[in-house]
Amino acid sequence: FLRENCTLCEKCLNTCPTGAFEIAGWDMTAEKIAAEVLKDAIIMKGSGGGVTFSGGEPLASHGFLLECLKLLKGKIHRAVQTSGFCSPDIFKTIAENTDLFLFDQKIFDREMHIKYTHQDNVNIKANLCYLAQNNKNFIIRIPLIPTVTDTEKNLTEICGFLKDLGINYAEILPYNKMAGGKYPLAGKKYEPDFDTNIEPQPHADIFKKFGIEIKIM
């Protein structure tokens, strides 16, 4: 059995007498990823699809992401799903090599954002402003976490911000209850400070008030 906080290494996997453990991932270069993606380029172009880089947060590995995006430029549609958390300079470079952003807006209030993510959201707001002011292609996505992001205050502040930027469409992502199942795989305990059994509220009336069309995914 594994002791708490024990991390499996390749040596452990190779010596497991029953073969019960196996490596579920492998190292890839940007060139290998591009080659793999382009195998289905004809099918994706015919269906209007493409490739989406998500995560985690793809901008956390912005150098590697940029390599992949450049290798695929002009060959296939490229989308990046992101929280927008990175420096404006890095974000602009990525934006110059991306066809579409799926841009999360989670918590508008700065102090609340720091409380739940341990990071400031100043650059996130600045990066969204850059997209809106430079006619980049993007879709706003709002993850609804019960009593955290689905509050009337938070959604009203987000809607006001989007309205000021001329954004009139957003996609709503209800909280995924399966999220907690991934924590043990990383040797962590899932201990949210909100009730995961509460159904998040989209407050469609708030979006309607600001003239923002929504689609609940």
Protein backbone atom coordinates (compact mmCIF):
# COMPACT_ATOMS: atom_id res chain seq x y z
CA PHE A 1 0.00 0.00 0.00
CA LEU A 2 1.02 3.65 -0.35
CA ARG A 3 1.70 5.81 2.63
CA GLU A 4 0.12 9.25 2.78
CA ASN A 5 2.00 11.85 0.70
CA CYS A 6 3.92 9.07 -1.06
CA THR A 7 4.69 9.99 -4.67
CA LEU A 8 5.12 7.25 -7.25
CA CYS A 9 8.26 7.36 -9.37
CA GLU A 10 9.15 5.40 -12.49
CA LYS A 11 11.31 3.04 -10.41
CA CYS A 12 8.30 2.11 -8.26
CA LEU A 13 6.19 1.47 -11.35
CA ASN A 14 8.78 -0.75 -12.96
CA THR A 15 9.23 -2.91 -9.84
CA CYS A 16 5.55 -3.38 -9.01
CA PRO A 17 5.23 -7.21 -8.93
CA THR A 18 1.62 -7.27 -10.12
CA GLY A 19 1.86 -4.56 -12.75
CA ALA A 20 -1.00 -2.74 -11.03
CA PHE A 21 0.54 0.65 -11.72
CA GLU A 22 1.38 2.13 -15.09
CA ILE A 23 2.49 5.47 -16.52
CA ALA A 24 -0.51 7.35 -17.88
CA GLY A 25 1.37 10.11 -19.67
CA TRP A 26 4.54 10.70 -21.61
CA ASP A 27 6.91 13.50 -22.57
CA MET A 28 6.11 15.36 -25.79
CA THR A 29 7.91 18.07 -27.71
CA ALA A 30 6.04 20.87 -29.43
CA GLU A 31 6.97 19.31 -32.76
CA LYS A 32 5.47 15.95 -31.75
CA ILE A 33 2.26 17.58 -30.55
CA ALA A 34 1.90 19.57 -33.77
CA ALA A 35 2.48 16.45 -35.86
CA GLU A 36 -0.12 14.51 -33.86
CA VAL A 37 -2.70 17.28 -34.16
CA LEU A 38 -2.16 17.74 -37.90
CA LYS A 39 -2.95 14.08 -38.56
CA ASP A 40 -6.61 15.06 -38.29
CA ALA A 41 -6.32 18.50 -39.90
CA ILE A 42 -8.49 17.62 -42.91
CA ILE A 43 -11.28 16.28 -40.71
CA MET A 44 -11.13 19.29 -38.38
CA LYS A 45 -11.19 21.80 -41.22
CA GLY A 46 -14.14 20.02 -42.80
CA SER A 47 -16.13 20.12 -39.56
CA GLY A 48 -15.13 23.67 -38.64
CA GLY A 49 -13.11 22.42 -35.68
CA GLY A 50 -9.52 22.74 -34.57
CA VAL A 51 -7.30 22.29 -31.55
CA THR A 52 -7.85 23.76 -28.07
CA PHE A 53 -5.03 24.14 -25.55
CA SER A 54 -6.34 24.02 -22.00
CA GLY A 55 -5.15 22.54 -18.73
CA GLY A 56 -4.76 23.39 -15.92
CA GLU A 57 -3.63 26.74 -17.18
CA PRO A 58 -1.80 26.67 -20.54
CA LEU A 59 -0.33 30.14 -19.95
CA ALA A 60 1.64 28.69 -17.03
CA SER A 61 3.77 27.07 -19.75
CA HIS A 62 3.54 30.01 -22.12
CA GLY A 63 6.87 29.33 -23.85
CA PHE A 64 5.89 25.79 -24.76
CA LEU A 65 2.38 26.93 -25.70
CA LEU A 66 3.81 29.56 -28.05
CA GLU A 67 5.97 26.94 -29.76
CA CYS A 68 2.92 24.78 -30.43
CA LEU A 69 0.81 27.68 -31.66
CA LYS A 70 3.48 28.84 -34.09
CA LEU A 71 3.95 25.36 -35.52
CA LEU A 72 0.20 25.14 -36.21
CA LYS A 73 -0.24 28.65 -37.62
CA GLY A 74 -2.13 28.66 -40.90
CA LYS A 75 -2.61 24.89 -40.76
CA ILE A 76 -5.45 24.50 -38.28
CA HIS A 77 -7.70 26.65 -36.09
CA ARG A 78 -6.05 27.31 -32.72
CA ALA A 79 -7.94 28.05 -29.48
CA VAL A 80 -6.64 28.66 -25.97
CA GLN A 81 -8.81 28.09 -22.89
CA THR A 82 -7.43 30.26 -20.12
CA SER A 83 -8.03 32.20 -16.93
CA GLY A 84 -6.02 35.02 -18.49
CA PHE A 85 -3.51 34.98 -15.63
CA CYS A 86 -0.12 36.10 -16.94
CA SER A 87 1.72 39.34 -17.64
CA PRO A 88 0.23 41.56 -20.38
CA ASP A 89 3.40 41.26 -22.46
CA ILE A 90 3.24 37.47 -22.49
CA PHE A 91 -0.49 37.55 -23.16
CA LYS A 92 -0.12 39.84 -26.17
CA THR A 93 2.49 37.52 -27.67
CA ILE A 94 0.17 34.53 -27.24
CA ALA A 95 -2.76 36.53 -28.64
CA GLU A 96 -0.81 37.28 -31.82
CA ASN A 97 -0.58 33.53 -32.42
CA THR A 98 -4.07 32.43 -31.35
CA ASP A 99 -7.31 32.34 -33.36
CA LEU A 100 -9.72 32.16 -30.43
CA PHE A 101 -9.64 32.55 -26.64
CA LEU A 102 -12.05 30.82 -24.28
CA PHE A 103 -11.56 33.31 -21.46
CA ASP A 104 -12.72 32.56 -17.91
CA GLN A 105 -14.14 35.25 -15.68
CA LYS A 106 -14.42 33.86 -12.18
CA ILE A 107 -14.25 36.46 -9.42
CA PHE A 108 -14.33 40.21 -10.08
CA ASP A 109 -13.53 41.60 -6.62
CA ARG A 110 -9.75 41.77 -6.12
CA GLU A 111 -9.72 40.76 -2.45
CA MET A 112 -12.10 37.87 -3.03
CA HIS A 113 -10.00 36.73 -5.97
CA ILE A 114 -6.88 36.70 -3.80
CA LYS A 115 -8.75 34.83 -1.07
CA TYR A 116 -9.79 31.97 -3.33
CA THR A 117 -6.90 31.83 -5.82
CA HIS A 118 -4.03 33.41 -3.84
CA GLN A 119 -3.40 35.63 -6.87
CA ASP A 120 -4.31 39.17 -7.92
CA ASN A 121 -6.67 39.60 -10.87
CA VAL A 122 -5.33 42.93 -12.15
CA ASN A 123 -3.55 41.33 -15.11
CA ILE A 124 -6.55 39.14 -15.86
CA LYS A 125 -8.73 42.24 -16.28
CA ALA A 126 -6.04 44.00 -18.29
CA ASN A 127 -5.70 41.03 -20.63
CA LEU A 128 -9.43 40.85 -21.23
CA CYS A 129 -9.45 44.58 -21.96
CA TYR A 130 -6.71 43.98 -24.52
CA LEU A 131 -8.79 41.35 -26.32
CA ALA A 132 -11.90 43.53 -26.39
CA GLN A 133 -10.10 46.71 -27.45
CA ASN A 134 -8.11 45.01 -30.22
CA ASN A 135 -10.97 43.09 -31.84
CA LYS A 136 -9.56 39.68 -30.98
CA ASN A 137 -11.79 36.61 -31.14
CA PHE A 138 -12.83 35.38 -27.71
CA ILE A 139 -15.70 33.88 -25.76
CA ILE A 140 -16.29 34.72 -22.10
CA ARG A 141 -16.93 31.73 -19.86
CA ILE A 142 -18.13 32.08 -16.28
CA PRO A 143 -17.66 29.01 -14.04
CA LEU A 144 -20.36 28.95 -11.38
CA ILE A 145 -19.17 27.81 -7.97
CA PRO A 146 -21.93 27.79 -5.34
CA THR A 147 -21.76 30.75 -2.91
CA VAL A 148 -18.40 31.82 -4.42
CA THR A 149 -18.79 32.93 -8.03
CA ASP A 150 -22.56 32.62 -8.39
CA THR A 151 -23.41 35.43 -5.96
CA GLU A 152 -25.52 38.34 -7.16
CA LYS A 153 -22.72 40.74 -6.23
CA ASN A 154 -20.05 38.90 -8.20
CA LEU A 155 -22.19 38.36 -11.30
CA THR A 156 -23.39 41.97 -11.25
CA GLU A 157 -19.80 43.23 -11.11
CA ILE A 158 -18.73 40.89 -13.91
CA CYS A 159 -21.68 41.93 -16.06
CA GLY A 160 -20.90 45.61 -15.53
CA PHE A 161 -17.29 45.01 -16.57
CA LEU A 162 -18.31 43.05 -19.67
CA LYS A 163 -20.88 45.69 -20.64
CA ASP A 164 -18.28 48.45 -20.41
CA LEU A 165 -16.10 46.45 -22.82
CA GLY A 166 -18.97 45.99 -25.27
CA ILE A 167 -19.27 42.26 -24.59
CA ASN A 168 -22.83 40.95 -24.95
CA TYR A 169 -22.42 37.17 -24.83
CA ALA A 170 -21.13 34.74 -22.21
CA GLU A 171 -21.20 31.01 -21.56
CA ILE A 172 -22.11 29.72 -18.11
CA LEU A 173 -20.31 26.66 -16.76
CA PRO A 174 -22.06 25.03 -13.76
CA TYR A 175 -19.77 23.63 -11.06
CA ASN A 176 -18.37 20.21 -11.93
CA LYS A 177 -18.82 17.94 -8.90
CA MET A 178 -16.28 15.49 -10.32
CA ALA A 179 -13.47 17.99 -9.68
CA GLY A 180 -12.76 16.60 -6.22
CA GLY A 181 -11.90 13.19 -7.62
CA LYS A 182 -8.69 14.51 -9.14
CA TYR A 183 -7.14 15.68 -5.89
CA PRO A 184 -6.12 12.26 -4.51
CA LEU A 185 -4.29 11.59 -7.78
CA ALA A 186 -2.05 14.52 -6.89
CA GLY A 187 -1.67 13.43 -3.28
CA LYS A 188 -3.98 16.17 -1.99
CA LYS A 189 -7.19 16.32 0.00
CA TYR A 190 -10.22 18.00 -1.49
CA GLU A 191 -11.47 20.38 1.19
CA PRO A 192 -13.54 23.17 -0.39
CA ASP A 193 -14.91 25.82 1.93
CA PHE A 194 -18.27 25.80 0.16
CA ASP A 195 -21.08 23.25 0.06
CA THR A 196 -20.63 21.18 -3.12
CA ASN A 197 -24.20 19.89 -2.79
CA ILE A 198 -25.71 23.33 -3.39
CA GLU A 199 -26.82 23.90 -6.97
CA PRO A 200 -25.15 27.06 -8.34
CA GLN A 201 -27.49 29.82 -9.46
CA PRO A 202 -26.93 31.45 -12.89
CA HIS A 203 -29.08 34.52 -12.03
CA ALA A 204 -30.12 34.93 -15.67
CA ASP A 205 -32.04 38.08 -14.75
CA ILE A 206 -28.77 39.88 -13.98
CA PHE A 207 -27.36 39.12 -17.41
CA LYS A 208 -30.63 40.15 -19.03
CA LYS A 209 -30.53 43.46 -17.17
CA PHE A 210 -27.13 44.23 -18.73
CA GLY A 211 -28.18 43.03 -22.17
CA ILE A 212 -25.82 40.05 -22.10
CA GLU A 213 -26.99 36.86 -23.78
CA ILE A 214 -25.97 33.68 -21.97
CA LYS A 215 -25.72 30.01 -22.83
CA ILE A 216 -25.64 27.49 -20.01
CA MET A 217 -23.24 24.73 -21.00
